[in-house]
Each structure stands twice: as structure tokens, then as C-alpha cells.
């Protein structure tokens, strides 16, 4: 008579192997990424534990949590042992993490370098699958008066209405602006269109005594600065 199938639910593990108990007793920082995900999904399948399943999911994205956060619910459900409820739980937890980074970025209220811009805007656009164009409006102390999404495009590009940019700069009393958009492809090389819109906005700004300080291309892992590269 065949043995009864073993349950891989976390509640049936020994106390030393339970991620939940480990978190309570030793703190969050000691848990691996796989153990944290295992807590979210609660159980694996008949053939593997929740931690083993989590390790397999992480391995598919080279153990990169940012890449994991880009997976859709449908893509997560492609893994054996991950149903809709578990997939939604993982997606929601990673989205909360992304929003937390966004909250932390709000601490940057004065721009002193291109890196400040990157830290401020990366949580908003670094992991997007489509292009977005954002502008920071600054006062004469380089403090951020407002940040605004000016357009949202598809996978290949986006358009910007220069008149709306200038209108908002005047309404806010901004004396300088910084342009930024993301490249979902990951390339840091500015396209001809990127250079063209930069010059177009720069020329329009000069007539209103508003200075374009920089234009950043932001990807998931890095950024390109027009100012740093002397392209302004």
C-alpha cells in the first residue's frame, strides 16, 4: 500500500524550519528572500515545500526582487503550486515594497546632483513596462516645488506637450525644471527623439527665463544624465 503523500504546509514543519516562527523569534532581517515569499504563499505543492517553490520562482528572475516585481499575476500563476490567490498575494506585497520606496524618495526635496533626481524618480518609473515623461519644477534654491507626469506612452515611446510644460512652470513660479523619462528596454543611450524634445523644451524655457537643468533617462538599474554628459 503506497505511503500517504507528505504535506508541505509550513504549519507541519519543525519549529526551527518555520519562517513565521523564525521571523518572530529572530527578526525579519535573518530570513532569506525565499523564506519571506514562503510566508506569503503559506504552502507549496505535494512535491515541494513553500520555500523550495519560492526558490524556484526567484531563480527564474536570477534572484532579483525588482524583476520579480515586474511579473504579472498571470506569469506568477505559470509556476506549479501558485494559484491566483497566491499570485495576487505576491504581487500585492511587492507593490507595497515599491510604494514604500516611493515614500522614502519624498525625503529628497532639494536637488544637488543627478543622483538626487534618480533617487527621487526611480521608484515612480524605474520598473514600468511603458515609457513615462516626468518633470521636476524647482525654485531658485533648487527645492522641488512639484513633480508631474507629463505623459504616458506605450512600450516604444511617449509624447510631451511643451505648451503644458511651460504653463505649469509659470503657474508654479518655477525658475528651473528637470526632465526625466524611463526606458523600459534598459538602454541608457538617448535616442534622436530624446535629444530633440530636450532641445525643444530648452528653447521654449529660455524665452520664459526658466532653465532646463538636466534630462535623465532612467532604467531599472541605472540612469543617464544629459547634464553630466555635457549634452545640454
C-alpha atoms as a PDB file:
ATOM      1  CA  UNK A   1       0.000   0.000   0.000  1.00  0.00           C
ATOM      2  CA  UNK A   2       1.547   3.351  -1.037  1.00  0.00           C
ATOM      3  CA  UNK A   3       2.536   5.825   1.652  1.00  0.00           C
ATOM      4  CA  UNK A   4       0.270   8.761   2.196  1.00  0.00           C
ATOM      5  CA  UNK A   5       1.522  11.889   0.392  1.00  0.00           C
ATOM      6  CA  UNK A   6       3.532  14.194   2.622  1.00  0.00           C
ATOM      7  CA  UNK A   7       2.072  17.632   3.342  1.00  0.00           C
ATOM      8  CA  UNK A   8       4.442  20.504   2.701  1.00  0.00           C
ATOM      9  CA  UNK A   9       2.388  23.117   4.533  1.00  0.00           C
ATOM     10  CA  UNK A  10       4.549  25.365   6.720  1.00  0.00           C
ATOM     11  CA  UNK A  11       2.444  24.512   9.784  1.00  0.00           C
ATOM     12  CA  UNK A  12       3.688  20.893   9.579  1.00  0.00           C
ATOM     13  CA  UNK A  13       7.378  21.824   9.658  1.00  0.00           C
ATOM     14  CA  UNK A  14       9.579  21.682  12.741  1.00  0.00           C
ATOM     15  CA  UNK A  15       9.756  24.989  14.651  1.00  0.00           C
ATOM     16  CA  UNK A  16      13.349  25.575  13.544  1.00  0.00           C
ATOM     17  CA  UNK A  17      12.288  25.410   9.880  1.00  0.00           C
ATOM     18  CA  UNK A  18       9.172  27.583  10.071  1.00  0.00           C
ATOM     19  CA  UNK A  19       9.790  31.026   8.511  1.00  0.00           C
ATOM     20  CA  UNK A  20       6.975  32.642  10.510  1.00  0.00           C
ATOM     21  CA  UNK A  21       8.368  31.469  13.844  1.00  0.00           C
ATOM     22  CA  UNK A  22      11.880  32.365  12.690  1.00  0.00           C
ATOM     23  CA  UNK A  23      10.744  35.907  11.903  1.00  0.00           C
ATOM     24  CA  UNK A  24       9.075  36.315  15.307  1.00  0.00           C
ATOM     25  CA  UNK A  25      11.975  34.862  17.266  1.00  0.00           C
ATOM     26  CA  UNK A  26      14.959  36.224  15.319  1.00  0.00           C
ATOM     27  CA  UNK A  27      13.647  39.201  13.335  1.00  0.00           C
ATOM     28  CA  UNK A  28      12.880  39.925   9.695  1.00  0.00           C
ATOM     29  CA  UNK A  29      16.449  40.515   8.568  1.00  0.00           C
ATOM     30  CA  UNK A  30      17.586  36.912   9.146  1.00  0.00           C
ATOM     31  CA  UNK A  31      15.090  35.470   6.673  1.00  0.00           C
ATOM     32  CA  UNK A  32      16.108  34.827   3.088  1.00  0.00           C
ATOM     33  CA  UNK A  33      14.059  36.197   0.202  1.00  0.00           C
ATOM     34  CA  UNK A  34      12.715  32.705  -0.406  1.00  0.00           C
ATOM     35  CA  UNK A  35      11.603  32.364   3.217  1.00  0.00           C
ATOM     36  CA  UNK A  36       9.809  35.708   3.098  1.00  0.00           C
ATOM     37  CA  UNK A  37       7.961  34.683  -0.058  1.00  0.00           C
ATOM     38  CA  UNK A  38       7.172  31.313   1.531  1.00  0.00           C
ATOM     39  CA  UNK A  39       5.417  33.148   4.371  1.00  0.00           C
ATOM     40  CA  UNK A  40       3.277  34.927   1.775  1.00  0.00           C
ATOM     41  CA  UNK A  41       2.225  31.780  -0.075  1.00  0.00           C
ATOM     42  CA  UNK A  42       1.862  29.615   3.051  1.00  0.00           C
ATOM     43  CA  UNK A  43       2.302  26.232   1.377  1.00  0.00           C
ATOM     44  CA  UNK A  44       3.875  24.578  -1.611  1.00  0.00           C
ATOM     45  CA  UNK A  45       2.664  21.558  -3.507  1.00  0.00           C
ATOM     46  CA  UNK A  46       2.792  17.818  -2.827  1.00  0.00           C
ATOM     47  CA  UNK A  47       6.205  17.663  -4.469  1.00  0.00           C
ATOM     48  CA  UNK A  48       7.964  20.686  -2.927  1.00  0.00           C
ATOM     49  CA  UNK A  49       7.816  22.931   0.123  1.00  0.00           C
ATOM     50  CA  UNK A  50       6.841  26.586   0.057  1.00  0.00           C
ATOM     51  CA  UNK A  51      10.493  27.583   0.421  1.00  0.00           C
ATOM     52  CA  UNK A  52      11.565  25.307  -2.438  1.00  0.00           C
ATOM     53  CA  UNK A  53       8.791  26.714  -4.605  1.00  0.00           C
ATOM     54  CA  UNK A  54       9.847  30.255  -3.669  1.00  0.00           C
ATOM     55  CA  UNK A  55      13.461  29.457  -4.555  1.00  0.00           C
ATOM     56  CA  UNK A  56      12.337  28.173  -7.956  1.00  0.00           C
ATOM     57  CA  UNK A  57      10.352  31.347  -8.611  1.00  0.00           C
ATOM     58  CA  UNK A  58      13.303  33.529  -7.581  1.00  0.00           C
ATOM     59  CA  UNK A  59      15.711  31.507  -9.726  1.00  0.00           C
ATOM     60  CA  UNK A  60      13.558  32.290 -12.776  1.00  0.00           C
ATOM     61  CA  UNK A  61      14.358  36.003 -12.305  1.00  0.00           C
ATOM     62  CA  UNK A  62      18.010  35.497 -11.305  1.00  0.00           C
ATOM     63  CA  UNK A  63      17.082  36.077  -7.641  1.00  0.00           C
ATOM     64  CA  UNK A  64      16.270  39.710  -8.433  1.00  0.00           C
ATOM     65  CA  UNK A  65      13.323  41.054  -6.440  1.00  0.00           C
ATOM     66  CA  UNK A  66      12.919  44.005  -8.798  1.00  0.00           C
ATOM     67  CA  UNK A  67      12.485  41.588 -11.702  1.00  0.00           C
ATOM     68  CA  UNK A  68      10.076  39.524  -9.625  1.00  0.00           C
ATOM     69  CA  UNK A  69       8.029  42.663  -9.035  1.00  0.00           C
ATOM     70  CA  UNK A  70       7.625  43.055 -12.787  1.00  0.00           C
ATOM     71  CA  UNK A  71       5.926  39.670 -13.208  1.00  0.00           C
ATOM     72  CA  UNK A  72       2.186  39.784 -13.759  1.00  0.00           C
ATOM     73  CA  UNK A  73      -0.311  37.680 -11.832  1.00  0.00           C
ATOM     74  CA  UNK A  74      -0.689  35.502 -14.926  1.00  0.00           C
ATOM     75  CA  UNK A  75       3.077  34.961 -15.158  1.00  0.00           C
ATOM     76  CA  UNK A  76       3.251  34.018 -11.470  1.00  0.00           C
ATOM     77  CA  UNK A  77       0.422  31.546 -11.937  1.00  0.00           C
ATOM     78  CA  UNK A  78       2.511  29.730 -14.548  1.00  0.00           C
ATOM     79  CA  UNK A  79       4.500  28.196 -11.683  1.00  0.00           C
ATOM     80  CA  UNK A  80       3.119  24.889 -10.443  1.00  0.00           C
ATOM     81  CA  UNK A  81       1.780  25.427  -6.946  1.00  0.00           C
ATOM     82  CA  UNK A  82       0.897  29.105  -7.472  1.00  0.00           C
ATOM     83  CA  UNK A  83      -2.795  29.761  -7.923  1.00  0.00           C
ATOM     84  CA  UNK A  84      -4.489  33.102  -8.358  1.00  0.00           C
ATOM     85  CA  UNK A  85      -4.713  33.839  -4.617  1.00  0.00           C
ATOM     86  CA  UNK A  86      -1.008  33.203  -4.039  1.00  0.00           C
ATOM     87  CA  UNK A  87      -0.025  35.136  -7.159  1.00  0.00           C
ATOM     88  CA  UNK A  88      -2.103  38.122  -6.077  1.00  0.00           C
ATOM     89  CA  UNK A  89      -0.550  37.986  -2.590  1.00  0.00           C
ATOM     90  CA  UNK A  90       2.991  38.057  -4.014  1.00  0.00           C
ATOM     91  CA  UNK A  91       2.145  40.862  -6.445  1.00  0.00           C
ATOM     92  CA  UNK A  92       0.499  42.931  -3.709  1.00  0.00           C
ATOM     93  CA  UNK A  93       3.438  42.512  -1.311  1.00  0.00           C
ATOM     94  CA  UNK A  94       5.959  43.578  -3.933  1.00  0.00           C
ATOM     95  CA  UNK A  95       3.808  46.556  -4.909  1.00  0.00           C
ATOM     96  CA  UNK A  96       3.735  47.617  -1.262  1.00  0.00           C
ATOM     97  CA  UNK A  97       7.520  47.464  -1.261  1.00  0.00           C
ATOM     98  CA  UNK A  98       7.674  49.620  -4.367  1.00  0.00           C
ATOM     99  CA  UNK A  99       5.337  52.190  -2.812  1.00  0.00           C
ATOM    100  CA  UNK A 100       7.415  52.209   0.356  1.00  0.00           C
ATOM    101  CA  UNK A 101      10.464  53.150  -1.698  1.00  0.00           C
ATOM    102  CA  UNK A 102       8.352  55.892  -3.236  1.00  0.00           C
ATOM    103  CA  UNK A 103       7.502  57.244   0.215  1.00  0.00           C
ATOM    104  CA  UNK A 104      11.189  57.265   1.144  1.00  0.00           C
ATOM    105  CA  UNK A 105      12.037  59.149  -2.047  1.00  0.00           C
ATOM    106  CA  UNK A 106       9.853  62.043  -0.896  1.00  0.00           C
ATOM    107  CA  UNK A 107      12.574  62.913   1.609  1.00  0.00           C
ATOM    108  CA  UNK A 108      14.581  64.296  -1.324  1.00  0.00           C
ATOM    109  CA  UNK A 109      13.264  67.849  -1.548  1.00  0.00           C
ATOM    110  CA  UNK A 110      16.360  69.690  -2.743  1.00  0.00           C
ATOM    111  CA  UNK A 111      18.273  68.732  -5.862  1.00  0.00           C
ATOM    112  CA  UNK A 112      22.036  68.974  -5.762  1.00  0.00           C
ATOM    113  CA  UNK A 113      23.001  66.309  -8.298  1.00  0.00           C
ATOM    114  CA  UNK A 114      21.660  63.972 -10.963  1.00  0.00           C
ATOM    115  CA  UNK A 115      21.770  61.202  -8.370  1.00  0.00           C
ATOM    116  CA  UNK A 116      19.208  63.089  -6.276  1.00  0.00           C
ATOM    117  CA  UNK A 117      16.870  63.129  -9.261  1.00  0.00           C
ATOM    118  CA  UNK A 118      17.395  59.414  -9.812  1.00  0.00           C
ATOM    119  CA  UNK A 119      16.621  58.556  -6.186  1.00  0.00           C
ATOM    120  CA  UNK A 120      13.503  60.724  -6.308  1.00  0.00           C
ATOM    121  CA  UNK A 121      12.050  59.388  -9.550  1.00  0.00           C
ATOM    122  CA  UNK A 122      13.302  55.823  -9.845  1.00  0.00           C
ATOM    123  CA  UNK A 123      10.585  54.446  -7.515  1.00  0.00           C
ATOM    124  CA  UNK A 124       7.977  56.046  -9.778  1.00  0.00           C
ATOM    125  CA  UNK A 125       9.206  54.853 -13.161  1.00  0.00           C
ATOM    126  CA  UNK A 126      12.192  52.536 -12.858  1.00  0.00           C
ATOM    127  CA  UNK A 127      10.202  49.312 -13.102  1.00  0.00           C
ATOM    128  CA  UNK A 128       7.477  50.345 -15.549  1.00  0.00           C
ATOM    129  CA  UNK A 129       6.820  48.386 -18.744  1.00  0.00           C
ATOM    130  CA  UNK A 130       5.891  51.559 -20.641  1.00  0.00           C
ATOM    131  CA  UNK A 131       7.505  54.987 -21.023  1.00  0.00           C
ATOM    132  CA  UNK A 132       6.506  57.956 -18.899  1.00  0.00           C
ATOM    133  CA  UNK A 133       7.787  61.518 -19.053  1.00  0.00           C
ATOM    134  CA  UNK A 134       8.095  63.438 -15.777  1.00  0.00           C
ATOM    135  CA  UNK A 135       9.236  66.954 -14.898  1.00  0.00           C
ATOM    136  CA  UNK A 136      10.531  68.376 -11.644  1.00  0.00           C
ATOM    137  CA  UNK A 137       9.712  72.057 -11.107  1.00  0.00           C
ATOM    138  CA  UNK A 138      12.253  73.859  -8.900  1.00  0.00           C
ATOM    139  CA  UNK A 139      12.566  77.215  -7.158  1.00  0.00           C
ATOM    140  CA  UNK A 140      15.723  79.331  -7.069  1.00  0.00           C
ATOM    141  CA  UNK A 141      17.134  77.186  -4.229  1.00  0.00           C
ATOM    142  CA  UNK A 142      16.714  74.018  -6.287  1.00  0.00           C
ATOM    143  CA  UNK A 143      13.966  72.825  -3.970  1.00  0.00           C
ATOM    144  CA  UNK A 144      11.287  70.734  -5.612  1.00  0.00           C
ATOM    145  CA  UNK A 145       8.046  72.688  -5.898  1.00  0.00           C
ATOM    146  CA  UNK A 146       6.227  69.915  -7.705  1.00  0.00           C
ATOM    147  CA  UNK A 147       6.822  66.778  -9.714  1.00  0.00           C
ATOM    148  CA  UNK A 148       4.422  65.905 -12.505  1.00  0.00           C
ATOM    149  CA  UNK A 149       3.831  63.152 -15.013  1.00  0.00           C
ATOM    150  CA  UNK A 150       3.505  64.973 -18.327  1.00  0.00           C
ATOM    151  CA  UNK A 151       2.741  61.985 -20.499  1.00  0.00           C
ATOM    152  CA  UNK A 152       2.382  58.234 -20.530  1.00  0.00           C
ATOM    153  CA  UNK A 153       3.144  56.156 -23.569  1.00  0.00           C
ATOM    154  CA  UNK A 154       3.419  52.623 -24.816  1.00  0.00           C
ATOM    155  CA  UNK A 155       6.422  50.369 -24.862  1.00  0.00           C
ATOM    156  CA  UNK A 156       8.288  52.328 -27.532  1.00  0.00           C
ATOM    157  CA  UNK A 157       7.764  55.961 -26.664  1.00  0.00           C
ATOM    158  CA  UNK A 158       5.739  58.887 -25.385  1.00  0.00           C
ATOM    159  CA  UNK A 159       4.870  62.443 -26.400  1.00  0.00           C
ATOM    160  CA  UNK A 160       5.184  65.691 -24.477  1.00  0.00           C
ATOM    161  CA  UNK A 161       3.164  68.893 -24.963  1.00  0.00           C
ATOM    162  CA  UNK A 162       5.721  71.672 -24.481  1.00  0.00           C
ATOM    163  CA  UNK A 163       2.972  74.273 -24.002  1.00  0.00           C
ATOM    164  CA  UNK A 164       1.597  72.415 -20.991  1.00  0.00           C
ATOM    165  CA  UNK A 165       5.084  72.169 -19.520  1.00  0.00           C
ATOM    166  CA  UNK A 166       5.585  75.934 -19.792  1.00  0.00           C
ATOM    167  CA  UNK A 167       2.097  76.674 -18.488  1.00  0.00           C
ATOM    168  CA  UNK A 168       2.687  74.599 -15.378  1.00  0.00           C
ATOM    169  CA  UNK A 169       6.124  76.151 -14.804  1.00  0.00           C
ATOM    170  CA  UNK A 170       4.591  79.641 -14.840  1.00  0.00           C
ATOM    171  CA  UNK A 171       1.712  78.645 -12.575  1.00  0.00           C
ATOM    172  CA  UNK A 172       4.140  77.213 -10.028  1.00  0.00           C
ATOM    173  CA  UNK A 173       6.576  80.098 -10.271  1.00  0.00           C
ATOM    174  CA  UNK A 174       9.379  77.682 -11.140  1.00  0.00           C
ATOM    175  CA  UNK A 175      12.734  79.092 -12.202  1.00  0.00           C
ATOM    176  CA  UNK A 176      14.176  75.740 -13.294  1.00  0.00           C
ATOM    177  CA  UNK A 177      12.984  72.337 -14.442  1.00  0.00           C
ATOM    178  CA  UNK A 178      14.475  68.882 -14.768  1.00  0.00           C
ATOM    179  CA  UNK A 179      13.190  66.464 -17.388  1.00  0.00           C
ATOM    180  CA  UNK A 180      13.099  62.710 -16.909  1.00  0.00           C
ATOM    181  CA  UNK A 181      11.739  59.694 -18.677  1.00  0.00           C
ATOM    182  CA  UNK A 182      12.285  55.952 -18.442  1.00  0.00           C
ATOM    183  CA  UNK A 183      13.493  53.380 -20.940  1.00  0.00           C
ATOM    184  CA  UNK A 184      11.749  50.044 -20.248  1.00  0.00           C
ATOM    185  CA  UNK A 185      14.209  48.387 -22.637  1.00  0.00           C
ATOM    186  CA  UNK A 186      17.042  49.125 -20.232  1.00  0.00           C
ATOM    187  CA  UNK A 187      19.140  51.067 -22.725  1.00  0.00           C
ATOM    188  CA  UNK A 188      20.810  54.213 -21.414  1.00  0.00           C
ATOM    189  CA  UNK A 189      21.580  55.663 -24.819  1.00  0.00           C
ATOM    190  CA  UNK A 190      19.455  58.740 -25.659  1.00  0.00           C
ATOM    191  CA  UNK A 191      17.587  58.486 -28.936  1.00  0.00           C
ATOM    192  CA  UNK A 192      17.334  61.213 -31.554  1.00  0.00           C
ATOM    193  CA  UNK A 193      13.799  61.876 -30.292  1.00  0.00           C
ATOM    194  CA  UNK A 194      15.099  62.233 -26.715  1.00  0.00           C
ATOM    195  CA  UNK A 195      17.612  64.851 -27.831  1.00  0.00           C
ATOM    196  CA  UNK A 196      15.017  66.622 -29.950  1.00  0.00           C
ATOM    197  CA  UNK A 197      12.439  67.017 -27.160  1.00  0.00           C
ATOM    198  CA  UNK A 198      15.181  68.182 -24.792  1.00  0.00           C
ATOM    199  CA  UNK A 199      16.200  70.972 -27.148  1.00  0.00           C
ATOM    200  CA  UNK A 200      12.586  71.861 -27.890  1.00  0.00           C
ATOM    201  CA  UNK A 201      11.750  72.304 -24.204  1.00  0.00           C
ATOM    202  CA  UNK A 202      15.040  74.106 -23.564  1.00  0.00           C
ATOM    203  CA  UNK A 203      14.353  76.683 -26.290  1.00  0.00           C
ATOM    204  CA  UNK A 204      10.803  77.274 -25.050  1.00  0.00           C
ATOM    205  CA  UNK A 205      12.034  77.611 -21.463  1.00  0.00           C
ATOM    206  CA  UNK A 206      14.663  80.207 -22.337  1.00  0.00           C
ATOM    207  CA  UNK A 207      12.038  82.613 -23.590  1.00  0.00           C
ATOM    208  CA  UNK A 208      10.370  82.463 -20.152  1.00  0.00           C
ATOM    209  CA  UNK A 209      13.620  82.620 -18.143  1.00  0.00           C
ATOM    210  CA  UNK A 210      13.147  79.055 -16.947  1.00  0.00           C
ATOM    211  CA  UNK A 211      16.316  76.974 -17.016  1.00  0.00           C
ATOM    212  CA  UNK A 212      16.456  73.311 -18.006  1.00  0.00           C
ATOM    213  CA  UNK A 213      18.988  71.866 -15.560  1.00  0.00           C
ATOM    214  CA  UNK A 214      19.032  68.270 -16.742  1.00  0.00           C
ATOM    215  CA  UNK A 215      17.267  65.445 -18.526  1.00  0.00           C
ATOM    216  CA  UNK A 216      17.557  61.957 -17.062  1.00  0.00           C
ATOM    217  CA  UNK A 217      16.904  58.653 -18.757  1.00  0.00           C
ATOM    218  CA  UNK A 218      16.018  56.198 -16.014  1.00  0.00           C
ATOM    219  CA  UNK A 219      16.155  52.420 -16.242  1.00  0.00           C
ATOM    220  CA  UNK A 220      15.587  49.712 -13.668  1.00  0.00           C
ATOM    221  CA  UNK A 221      19.241  49.644 -12.631  1.00  0.00           C
ATOM    222  CA  UNK A 222      20.835  52.956 -13.605  1.00  0.00           C
ATOM    223  CA  UNK A 223      20.408  56.337 -15.290  1.00  0.00           C
ATOM    224  CA  UNK A 224      21.856  58.658 -17.931  1.00  0.00           C
ATOM    225  CA  UNK A 225      22.195  62.403 -17.282  1.00  0.00           C
ATOM    226  CA  UNK A 226      22.286  64.883 -20.159  1.00  0.00           C
ATOM    227  CA  UNK A 227      23.949  67.439 -17.860  1.00  0.00           C
ATOM    228  CA  UNK A 228      26.623  65.034 -16.609  1.00  0.00           C
ATOM    229  CA  UNK A 229      27.404  64.052 -20.188  1.00  0.00           C
ATOM    230  CA  UNK A 230      27.539  67.710 -21.324  1.00  0.00           C
ATOM    231  CA  UNK A 231      24.609  67.286 -23.723  1.00  0.00           C
ATOM    232  CA  UNK A 232      22.799  70.420 -22.550  1.00  0.00           C
END
